[in-house]
Amino acid sequence: MPRLTCFKSYDVRGELGVDFDAGIAYRIGRGFARAMVPGSVVVGRDCRASSAELQDALVEGLRDEGVDVIDLGLCGTEEVYFATTHFNAGGGLTVTASHNPINFNGIKMVQSGSRPISSADGLQAIHDLAAADAFGPVAEKRGSLRQDNPRDAYAARVLSFIDLARLRPLKVLVNAGNGAAGPTFDALADALAAAGAPLEFVRLHHTPDGSFPNGIPNPLLPENQPVTGDAVRQSGADIGVAWDGDFDRCFLFDETGTFIDGEYIVGLLATAFLEKEPGAKIVHDPRVVWNTRSIVADKGGEAVVSKTGHAFVKATMRRVDAAYGGEMSAHHYFRNFMYCDSGMIPWLLVVEHMASTGRPLSALIAEMKSRFPSSGEINFRLDDPGAAMAAVDARYTPQARTVDRLDRLSLEFADWRVNLRKSNTEPLLRLNVETAGDTALLARRVDEIRALVTEAR
């Protein structure tokens, strides 16, 4: 059976006309219907020029198998997560390429209860059915199609995470990057205004535009961050928010326009949740951990580590009933949001926390960075990442205080820690180093490991 290369570990992503097109989207629709037997599904799409055609094909495949389809139209991935549970549907599918290049597109999928789909529980079966393309006649009774978007109910759920009475006047700069976030943000802003929230918003690149005239919305790339940072400074905003294309991730900037590394947002959100729910369990990924673990311990919570990746974090959260889970990659997950990730809930929680403390965001972050400085994720593109990883393993593991191989290699010493991972999808080695308050040691260890990796190249 030929393999469809657009199938990745937890979703579908491919280059248009090369390994993904409307025909494949149709086959995925039929394969999803047969593998998952959903009865009804929710579908939505981002604003890419190709997304409407791909969604139409996907919907036809689902309906040809007798599945009833609820079409949300233009929306974010998290709105599909919400609507899947809201409508008690058997699954949800979003046509999106998120932050990938403009000539790419894909599909993110969940099953009933908005639970992720992995190879072990359906994705491989969907692939095999779509690859075989042996579906035969369509169902005698095709599935129905209706347009419906419970955005008001979604907005109410998102706003339920904060206490509106705790808010104070703040100016918030938001950069939708011409992706899908704009209309959904406007619904939240309207609901906040109706509730009397004293927030002022400045909108940047707000209108969805699949040609992305200001570049693909991927605020994680350093070259994309100045536009938001500059706008924060020019507008005098107290905080800046930028989203990727389907806004399941949000990225924050302090009042000086400085980009905030994701691991510190995890710590900040852990603080916010533990104030609301003392003793709560907080799940984090294993790449950068000391700041989060220190905060959770100080606040009386319980930190639980999970392997990197949304399916692993969501499964861990469900297993331990965690209130919140965060990854340094800017994915943030919430028990009361179907254990799913959201790009709208995090910035609201941070704004509420700023209001309640009366402190600027820069001060809140500086305190964490001073205690536990980190390198940020450093990526090495290598022909043989395994050889470089083995060299680091051999050099440092014998002296490590603890060795953890939950997610590749994590080594902990008295005053510093390193996590080294091979990418699941690219020939990349990903390095993260952190220390206990020692920036000079941080720089030294990064230089040492960089030299080892370069020699093993």
Protein backbone atom coordinates (compact mmCIF):
# COMPACT_ATOMS: atom_id res chain seq x y z
CA MET A 1 0.00 0.00 0.00
CA PRO A 2 1.44 3.43 -0.91
CA ARG A 3 2.06 5.72 2.04
CA LEU A 4 0.47 9.16 2.12
CA THR A 5 3.37 11.35 3.24
CA CYS A 6 1.05 14.11 4.41
CA PHE A 7 0.18 12.00 7.48
CA LYS A 8 2.32 13.03 10.45
CA SER A 9 2.34 11.82 14.05
CA TYR A 10 -0.93 13.50 15.06
CA ASP A 11 -2.30 15.33 12.05
CA VAL A 12 -2.10 15.83 8.29
CA ARG A 13 0.25 18.39 6.72
CA GLY A 14 1.53 18.55 3.19
CA GLU A 15 2.64 20.66 0.26
CA LEU A 16 -0.21 21.45 -2.08
CA GLY A 17 0.00 19.61 -5.38
CA VAL A 18 2.85 17.46 -4.08
CA ASP A 19 1.54 15.32 -1.22
CA PHE A 20 -1.80 16.95 -0.37
CA ASP A 21 -4.75 18.07 -2.48
CA ALA A 22 -8.55 18.05 -2.63
CA GLY A 23 -8.63 14.43 -3.77
CA ILE A 24 -6.67 13.31 -0.73
CA ALA A 25 -8.85 15.49 1.53
CA TYR A 26 -11.92 13.69 0.13
CA ARG A 27 -10.36 10.29 0.82
CA ILE A 28 -9.44 11.37 4.34
CA GLY A 29 -13.06 12.33 4.91
CA ARG A 30 -14.24 8.87 3.90
CA GLY A 31 -11.43 7.22 5.86
CA PHE A 32 -12.25 9.22 8.99
CA ALA A 33 -15.89 8.20 8.70
CA ARG A 34 -15.08 4.48 8.42
CA ALA A 35 -12.33 4.39 11.03
CA MET A 36 -14.02 6.54 13.67
CA VAL A 37 -17.73 5.87 12.90
CA PRO A 38 -18.57 9.32 14.25
CA GLY A 39 -22.23 9.73 13.26
CA SER A 40 -21.75 13.49 13.13
CA VAL A 41 -18.70 15.72 12.93
CA VAL A 42 -17.76 19.38 13.17
CA VAL A 43 -15.56 20.92 10.48
CA GLY A 44 -13.91 24.32 10.14
CA ARG A 45 -11.12 26.02 8.24
CA ASP A 46 -8.48 28.70 8.46
CA CYS A 47 -8.24 31.58 6.00
CA ARG A 48 -5.72 30.13 3.53
CA ALA A 49 -6.71 30.48 -0.10
CA SER A 50 -6.79 26.69 -0.50
CA SER A 51 -8.73 25.91 2.67
CA ALA A 52 -12.29 26.37 1.37
CA GLU A 53 -11.77 23.95 -1.53
CA LEU A 54 -10.06 21.41 0.71
CA GLN A 55 -12.83 21.68 3.29
CA ASP A 56 -15.48 21.18 0.62
CA ALA A 57 -13.73 17.99 -0.52
CA LEU A 58 -13.35 16.76 3.06
CA VAL A 59 -17.04 17.40 3.74
CA GLU A 60 -18.06 15.53 0.60
CA GLY A 61 -16.03 12.53 1.71
CA LEU A 62 -17.66 12.54 5.13
CA ARG A 63 -21.16 12.94 3.74
CA ASP A 64 -20.60 10.22 1.16
CA GLU A 65 -20.09 7.85 4.07
CA GLY A 66 -23.36 8.96 5.69
CA VAL A 67 -21.84 11.30 8.28
CA ASP A 68 -23.75 14.46 9.25
CA VAL A 69 -21.57 17.56 9.09
CA ILE A 70 -21.77 20.82 11.04
CA ASP A 71 -19.77 23.49 9.21
CA LEU A 72 -18.32 26.26 11.43
CA GLY A 73 -16.80 28.10 8.47
CA LEU A 74 -13.77 30.29 9.15
CA CYS A 75 -12.62 29.61 12.71
CA GLY A 76 -9.76 28.57 14.93
CA THR A 77 -8.77 25.02 15.72
CA GLU A 78 -9.83 25.51 19.32
CA GLU A 79 -13.32 26.45 18.16
CA VAL A 80 -13.56 23.05 16.48
CA TYR A 81 -12.42 21.46 19.74
CA PHE A 82 -15.11 23.37 21.61
CA ALA A 83 -17.87 22.71 19.08
CA THR A 84 -17.11 18.98 18.93
CA THR A 85 -17.99 18.65 22.60
CA HIS A 86 -20.66 21.39 22.54
CA PHE A 87 -22.61 19.55 19.82
CA ASN A 88 -21.75 16.10 21.22
CA ALA A 89 -20.30 15.23 17.82
CA GLY A 90 -18.29 12.12 17.12
CA GLY A 91 -15.31 14.08 15.84
CA GLY A 92 -13.92 17.38 14.66
CA LEU A 93 -11.69 18.34 11.73
CA THR A 94 -9.98 21.66 11.00
CA VAL A 95 -8.49 22.41 7.60
CA THR A 96 -5.39 24.41 8.50
CA ALA A 97 -1.66 24.64 7.96
CA SER A 98 -1.25 26.90 10.99
CA HIS A 99 2.22 28.49 10.69
CA ASN A 100 3.51 26.43 7.74
CA PRO A 101 4.54 28.03 4.40
CA ILE A 102 1.83 29.42 2.15
CA ASN A 103 1.99 26.47 -0.27
CA PHE A 104 1.08 24.00 2.50
CA ASN A 105 -2.17 22.94 4.09
CA GLY A 106 -3.43 20.17 6.33
CA ILE A 107 -6.07 18.78 8.67
CA LYS A 108 -6.14 18.61 12.47
CA MET A 109 -8.50 15.96 13.85
CA VAL A 110 -10.09 15.02 17.16
CA GLN A 111 -12.46 12.26 18.17
CA SER A 112 -15.49 12.40 20.43
CA GLY A 113 -15.00 14.40 23.59
CA SER A 114 -12.40 16.48 21.70
CA ARG A 115 -9.76 13.86 22.47
CA PRO A 116 -6.71 13.74 20.20
CA ILE A 117 -6.31 11.02 17.59
CA SER A 118 -2.98 9.23 17.39
CA SER A 119 -1.76 6.36 15.24
CA ALA A 120 -2.72 3.87 17.93
CA ASP A 121 -6.34 4.97 18.19
CA GLY A 122 -7.43 5.83 14.68
CA LEU A 123 -4.96 7.90 12.67
CA GLN A 124 -3.17 4.90 11.17
CA ALA A 125 -6.51 3.36 10.22
CA ILE A 126 -7.60 6.63 8.57
CA HIS A 127 -4.30 6.69 6.65
CA ASP A 128 -4.64 3.10 5.49
CA LEU A 129 -8.20 3.61 4.27
CA ALA A 130 -7.34 6.86 2.49
CA ALA A 131 -4.19 5.37 0.94
CA ALA A 132 -6.01 2.27 -0.33
CA ASP A 133 -8.77 4.43 -1.86
CA ALA A 134 -11.08 1.42 -2.20
CA PHE A 135 -14.24 2.89 -0.75
CA GLY A 136 -16.73 1.83 -3.39
CA PRO A 137 -20.24 3.30 -3.68
CA VAL A 138 -21.36 6.16 -1.47
CA ALA A 139 -23.78 5.56 1.39
CA GLU A 140 -27.40 5.03 0.44
CA LYS A 141 -28.30 7.93 2.72
CA ARG A 142 -25.74 10.72 2.46
CA GLY A 143 -24.98 12.75 5.52
CA SER A 144 -26.58 16.13 6.06
CA LEU A 145 -24.80 19.50 6.06
CA ARG A 146 -25.61 22.58 8.09
CA GLN A 147 -23.80 25.79 8.94
CA ASP A 148 -23.62 26.61 12.62
CA ASN A 149 -21.01 28.23 14.84
CA PRO A 150 -21.54 28.38 18.62
CA ARG A 151 -19.12 31.28 18.95
CA ASP A 152 -21.14 33.01 21.65
CA ALA A 153 -21.06 29.85 23.78
CA TYR A 154 -17.34 29.48 23.03
CA ALA A 155 -16.70 33.07 24.12
CA ALA A 156 -18.61 32.49 27.35
CA ARG A 157 -16.49 29.41 28.08
CA VAL A 158 -13.25 31.28 27.44
CA LEU A 159 -14.27 34.21 29.64
CA SER A 160 -15.28 31.80 32.42
CA PHE A 161 -11.56 31.33 33.13
CA ILE A 162 -11.19 34.84 34.52
CA ASP A 163 -12.87 36.95 37.18
CA LEU A 164 -13.97 40.08 35.33
CA ALA A 165 -14.17 42.00 38.59
CA ARG A 166 -10.39 41.66 39.02
CA LEU A 167 -9.57 43.46 35.77
CA ARG A 168 -8.26 47.02 35.75
CA PRO A 169 -7.67 49.42 32.85
CA LEU A 170 -5.01 47.96 30.57
CA LYS A 171 -4.14 48.48 26.92
CA VAL A 172 -3.67 45.27 24.93
CA LEU A 173 -2.03 45.17 21.48
CA VAL A 174 -3.22 42.17 19.45
CA ASN A 175 -1.64 40.95 16.21
CA ALA A 176 -3.71 38.37 14.37
CA GLY A 177 -1.16 38.16 11.56
CA ASN A 178 -4.00 38.21 8.99
CA GLY A 179 -4.83 34.69 10.16
CA ALA A 180 -8.09 33.32 11.54
CA ALA A 181 -7.90 34.97 14.98
CA GLY A 182 -9.47 38.33 14.15
CA PRO A 183 -13.22 37.51 14.07
CA THR A 184 -12.99 35.25 17.11
CA PHE A 185 -11.07 37.86 19.06
CA ASP A 186 -13.72 40.43 18.16
CA ALA A 187 -16.40 38.18 19.64
CA LEU A 188 -14.41 37.99 22.88
CA ALA A 189 -13.79 41.73 22.87
CA ASP A 190 -17.52 42.39 22.41
CA ALA A 191 -18.34 40.07 25.30
CA LEU A 192 -15.73 41.77 27.50
CA ALA A 193 -17.12 45.20 26.64
CA ALA A 194 -20.68 44.08 27.36
CA ALA A 195 -19.51 42.89 30.78
CA GLY A 196 -17.88 46.26 31.49
CA ALA A 197 -14.27 45.04 31.32
CA PRO A 198 -11.93 48.10 31.37
CA LEU A 199 -9.65 46.87 28.59
CA GLU A 200 -8.57 48.86 25.54
CA PHE A 201 -7.51 46.97 22.44
CA VAL A 202 -5.22 47.97 19.60
CA ARG A 203 -5.58 45.70 16.57
CA LEU A 204 -2.77 44.95 14.11
CA HIS A 205 -3.01 42.91 10.87
CA HIS A 206 -6.45 41.96 12.07
CA THR A 207 -8.36 41.08 8.89
CA PRO A 208 -8.09 37.44 7.72
CA ASP A 209 -6.25 37.36 4.39
CA GLY A 210 -5.05 34.07 2.94
CA SER A 211 -2.39 35.82 0.87
CA PHE A 212 -0.72 36.84 4.15
CA PRO A 213 0.44 40.28 2.99
CA ASN A 214 2.47 40.71 6.16
CA GLY A 215 4.02 37.25 6.10
CA ILE A 216 2.98 33.86 7.43
CA PRO A 217 1.79 34.29 11.04
CA ASN A 218 4.46 32.46 13.02
CA PRO A 219 5.49 34.67 15.98
CA LEU A 220 7.89 32.02 17.28
CA LEU A 221 10.39 32.99 14.57
CA PRO A 222 12.69 35.77 15.84
CA GLU A 223 12.47 37.64 12.54
CA ASN A 224 8.67 37.91 12.93
CA GLN A 225 8.71 39.31 16.46
CA PRO A 226 9.80 42.95 15.94
CA VAL A 227 6.55 43.96 14.20
CA THR A 228 4.55 43.15 17.33
CA GLY A 229 7.20 44.46 19.72
CA ASP A 230 7.47 47.75 17.84
CA ALA A 231 3.69 48.15 17.80
CA VAL A 232 3.53 47.58 21.56
CA ARG A 233 6.02 50.36 22.18
CA GLN A 234 4.46 52.77 19.68
CA SER A 235 0.96 52.28 21.06
CA GLY A 236 1.99 52.39 24.71
CA ALA A 237 0.35 49.03 25.31
CA ASP A 238 0.75 47.14 28.58
CA ILE A 239 1.01 43.78 26.81
CA GLY A 240 1.24 42.45 23.27
CA VAL A 241 -0.40 39.27 21.97
CA ALA A 242 0.35 37.57 18.64
CA TRP A 243 -1.12 34.37 17.23
CA ASP A 244 -0.23 31.79 14.63
CA GLY A 245 -2.57 31.07 11.71
CA ASP A 246 -5.17 28.95 13.50
CA PHE A 247 -4.48 30.65 16.88
CA ASP A 248 -4.09 27.51 18.96
CA ARG A 249 -0.87 29.16 20.17
CA CYS A 250 -0.42 32.70 21.43
CA PHE A 251 2.81 34.56 22.05
CA LEU A 252 3.23 37.39 24.52
CA PHE A 253 5.29 40.59 24.64
CA ASP A 254 5.81 42.78 27.69
CA GLU A 255 5.22 46.55 27.79
CA THR A 256 8.74 47.20 26.47
CA GLY A 257 7.98 45.13 23.36
CA THR A 258 10.21 42.26 24.51
CA PHE A 259 9.18 38.76 23.43
CA ILE A 260 8.61 36.40 26.36
CA ASP A 261 9.98 32.88 26.09
CA GLY A 262 7.32 30.21 26.42
CA GLU A 263 8.69 28.48 29.51
CA TYR A 264 8.11 31.62 31.57
CA ILE A 265 4.52 31.86 30.36
CA VAL A 266 4.04 28.30 31.65
CA GLY A 267 5.29 29.48 35.04
CA LEU A 268 3.05 32.54 34.97
CA LEU A 269 -0.05 30.50 34.10
CA ALA A 270 0.81 27.92 36.75
CA THR A 271 0.84 30.78 39.27
CA ALA A 272 -2.53 32.02 38.04
CA PHE A 273 -4.13 28.59 38.31
CA LEU A 274 -2.74 27.79 41.72
CA GLU A 275 -4.17 31.04 43.04
CA LYS A 276 -7.56 29.97 41.73
CA GLU A 277 -7.24 26.29 42.64
CA PRO A 278 -4.81 25.65 45.52
CA GLY A 279 -3.16 22.25 45.38
CA ALA A 280 -3.92 21.75 41.69
CA LYS A 281 -1.82 19.51 39.47
CA ILE A 282 0.16 21.30 36.77
CA VAL A 283 1.54 19.38 33.79
CA HIS A 284 4.65 20.59 31.98
CA ASP A 285 6.93 19.28 29.24
CA PRO A 286 10.48 18.15 30.09
CA ARG A 287 12.50 20.66 28.08
CA VAL A 288 12.79 23.53 30.61
CA VAL A 289 11.40 22.70 34.05
CA TRP A 290 13.10 24.36 37.02
CA ASN A 291 11.13 27.61 37.00
CA THR A 292 7.79 25.82 36.68
CA ARG A 293 8.62 23.23 39.33
CA SER A 294 9.80 25.92 41.75
CA ILE A 295 6.64 27.98 41.30
CA VAL A 296 4.33 24.98 41.66
CA ALA A 297 6.14 23.85 44.82
CA ASP A 298 6.08 27.35 46.32
CA LYS A 299 2.35 27.66 45.61
CA GLY A 300 1.51 24.25 47.08
CA GLY A 301 0.65 22.52 43.82
CA GLU A 302 1.89 19.31 42.26
CA ALA A 303 4.06 19.41 39.13
CA VAL A 304 3.70 16.47 36.74
CA VAL A 305 6.04 15.99 33.79
CA SER A 306 4.78 14.76 30.42
CA LYS A 307 6.48 13.80 27.22
CA THR A 308 6.51 16.65 24.70
CA GLY A 309 3.59 16.80 22.27
CA HIS A 310 -0.07 17.68 22.54
CA ALA A 311 -1.37 14.11 22.60
CA PHE A 312 0.99 13.18 25.45
CA VAL A 313 0.22 16.31 27.49
CA LYS A 314 -3.53 15.88 27.06
CA ALA A 315 -3.35 12.22 28.05
CA THR A 316 -1.28 13.04 31.14
CA MET A 317 -3.68 15.80 32.14
CA ARG A 318 -6.66 13.48 31.87
CA ARG A 319 -4.84 10.76 33.81
CA VAL A 320 -3.96 13.01 36.77
CA ASP A 321 -6.88 15.44 36.43
CA ALA A 322 -4.60 18.46 36.03
CA ALA A 323 -6.07 21.95 35.95
CA TYR A 324 -3.51 23.23 33.45
CA GLY A 325 -0.74 21.97 31.22
CA GLY A 326 1.84 24.00 29.35
CA GLU A 327 4.60 23.51 26.82
CA MET A 328 7.38 25.99 26.13
CA SER A 329 6.30 25.90 22.45
CA ALA A 330 3.31 28.10 23.45
CA HIS A 331 0.71 25.33 23.61
CA HIS A 332 -1.39 25.73 26.74
CA TYR A 333 -4.03 23.20 27.81
CA PHE A 334 -6.95 23.55 30.19
CA ARG A 335 -9.02 20.94 32.00
CA ASN A 336 -12.15 23.08 31.75
CA PHE A 337 -11.60 23.48 28.02
CA MET A 338 -11.91 19.78 27.22
CA TYR A 339 -8.22 19.33 28.21
CA CYS A 340 -7.47 21.08 24.91
CA ASP A 341 -5.11 23.86 23.91
CA SER A 342 -6.29 27.43 23.45
CA GLY A 343 -4.63 30.58 22.20
CA MET A 344 -7.26 32.88 23.69
CA ILE A 345 -7.42 31.73 27.32
CA PRO A 346 -3.70 32.33 28.12
CA TRP A 347 -3.54 36.05 27.36
CA LEU A 348 -6.75 36.66 29.31
CA LEU A 349 -5.32 34.87 32.35
CA VAL A 350 -2.10 36.88 32.12
CA VAL A 351 -4.03 40.16 31.84
CA GLU A 352 -6.07 39.17 34.90
CA HIS A 353 -2.87 38.28 36.80
CA MET A 354 -1.26 41.60 35.87
CA ALA A 355 -4.37 43.41 37.07
CA SER A 356 -4.53 41.54 40.36
CA THR A 357 -0.82 42.05 41.17
CA GLY A 358 -0.61 45.60 39.88
CA ARG A 359 2.79 44.74 38.41
CA PRO A 360 3.94 45.18 34.80
CA LEU A 361 4.55 42.05 32.81
CA SER A 362 8.26 42.80 32.48
CA ALA A 363 8.66 42.70 36.27
CA LEU A 364 6.75 39.43 36.61
CA ILE A 365 8.96 37.80 33.98
CA ALA A 366 12.26 39.34 35.15
CA GLU A 367 11.86 37.73 38.55
CA MET A 368 11.53 34.27 36.98
CA LYS A 369 14.35 34.80 34.48
CA SER A 370 16.68 35.94 37.25
CA ARG A 371 16.04 32.82 39.32
CA PHE A 372 16.20 30.37 36.42
CA PRO A 373 17.75 31.74 33.22
CA SER A 374 17.40 29.51 30.17
CA SER A 375 18.91 29.35 26.72
CA GLY A 376 15.68 29.14 24.77
CA GLU A 377 15.42 26.31 22.27
CA ILE A 378 18.50 26.10 20.03
CA ASN A 379 18.09 24.03 16.87
CA PHE A 380 20.91 22.31 15.00
CA ARG A 381 20.25 20.99 11.48
CA LEU A 382 22.40 17.88 11.15
CA ASP A 383 22.88 14.97 8.80
CA ASP A 384 23.11 12.61 11.77
CA PRO A 385 21.43 14.04 14.91
CA GLY A 386 21.90 10.69 16.63
CA ALA A 387 25.70 10.93 16.54
CA ALA A 388 25.69 14.40 18.07
CA MET A 389 23.25 13.29 20.74
CA ALA A 390 25.44 10.31 21.60
CA ALA A 391 28.45 12.61 21.98
CA VAL A 392 26.63 14.83 24.47
CA ASP A 393 25.28 11.78 26.29
CA ALA A 394 28.78 10.29 26.66
CA ARG A 395 30.32 13.58 27.79
CA TYR A 396 27.83 14.60 30.49
CA THR A 397 25.76 11.63 31.64
CA PRO A 398 28.44 10.10 33.93
CA GLN A 399 28.54 13.31 36.02
CA ALA A 400 24.78 13.95 36.10
CA ARG A 401 22.89 13.93 39.37
CA THR A 402 19.80 12.57 37.62
CA VAL A 403 19.27 11.10 34.15
CA ASP A 404 15.81 11.11 32.60
CA ARG A 405 15.05 9.56 29.22
CA LEU A 406 11.30 10.18 29.22
CA ASP A 407 11.73 12.51 26.24
CA ARG A 408 15.13 11.77 24.72
CA LEU A 409 17.80 13.02 27.16
CA SER A 410 17.43 15.19 30.26
CA LEU A 411 20.43 15.58 32.57
CA GLU A 412 20.33 17.41 35.87
CA PHE A 413 23.32 18.70 37.82
CA ALA A 414 23.59 20.72 41.02
CA ASP A 415 23.41 24.09 39.28
CA TRP A 416 22.40 23.42 35.67
CA ARG A 417 20.22 21.18 33.55
CA VAL A 418 20.07 20.19 29.88
CA ASN A 419 17.45 18.60 27.64
CA LEU A 420 18.44 17.34 24.19
CA ARG A 421 15.90 15.96 21.74
CA LYS A 422 15.86 14.77 18.16
CA SER A 423 12.97 16.19 16.17
CA ASN A 424 10.29 13.68 15.22
CA THR A 425 9.83 15.21 11.78
CA GLU A 426 13.07 16.95 10.73
CA PRO A 427 16.85 16.30 10.84
CA LEU A 428 17.12 18.61 13.82
CA LEU A 429 18.61 18.38 17.27
CA ARG A 430 16.87 20.65 19.81
CA LEU A 431 18.84 21.92 22.80
CA ASN A 432 17.60 23.59 25.99
CA VAL A 433 19.85 24.55 28.90
CA GLU A 434 18.85 26.16 32.21
CA THR A 435 20.71 27.14 35.36
CA ALA A 436 20.01 28.16 38.93
CA GLY A 437 20.50 31.90 38.62
CA ASP A 438 23.86 31.77 36.81
CA THR A 439 23.89 33.40 33.37
CA ALA A 440 27.64 32.98 32.97
CA LEU A 441 27.35 29.23 33.57
CA LEU A 442 24.45 29.12 31.12
CA ALA A 443 26.53 30.68 28.36
CA ARG A 444 29.46 28.39 29.12
CA ARG A 445 27.41 25.19 28.98
CA VAL A 446 25.69 26.24 25.77
CA ASP A 447 29.07 26.94 24.17
CA GLU A 448 30.43 23.57 25.34
CA ILE A 449 27.49 21.62 23.98
CA ARG A 450 27.44 23.61 20.75
CA ALA A 451 31.09 22.67 20.20
CA LEU A 452 30.36 18.97 20.86
CA VAL A 453 27.46 18.99 18.44
CA THR A 454 29.49 20.80 15.78
CA GLU A 455 32.35 18.29 16.10
CA ALA A 456 29.93 15.37 15.72
CA ARG A 457 28.35 16.94 12.66
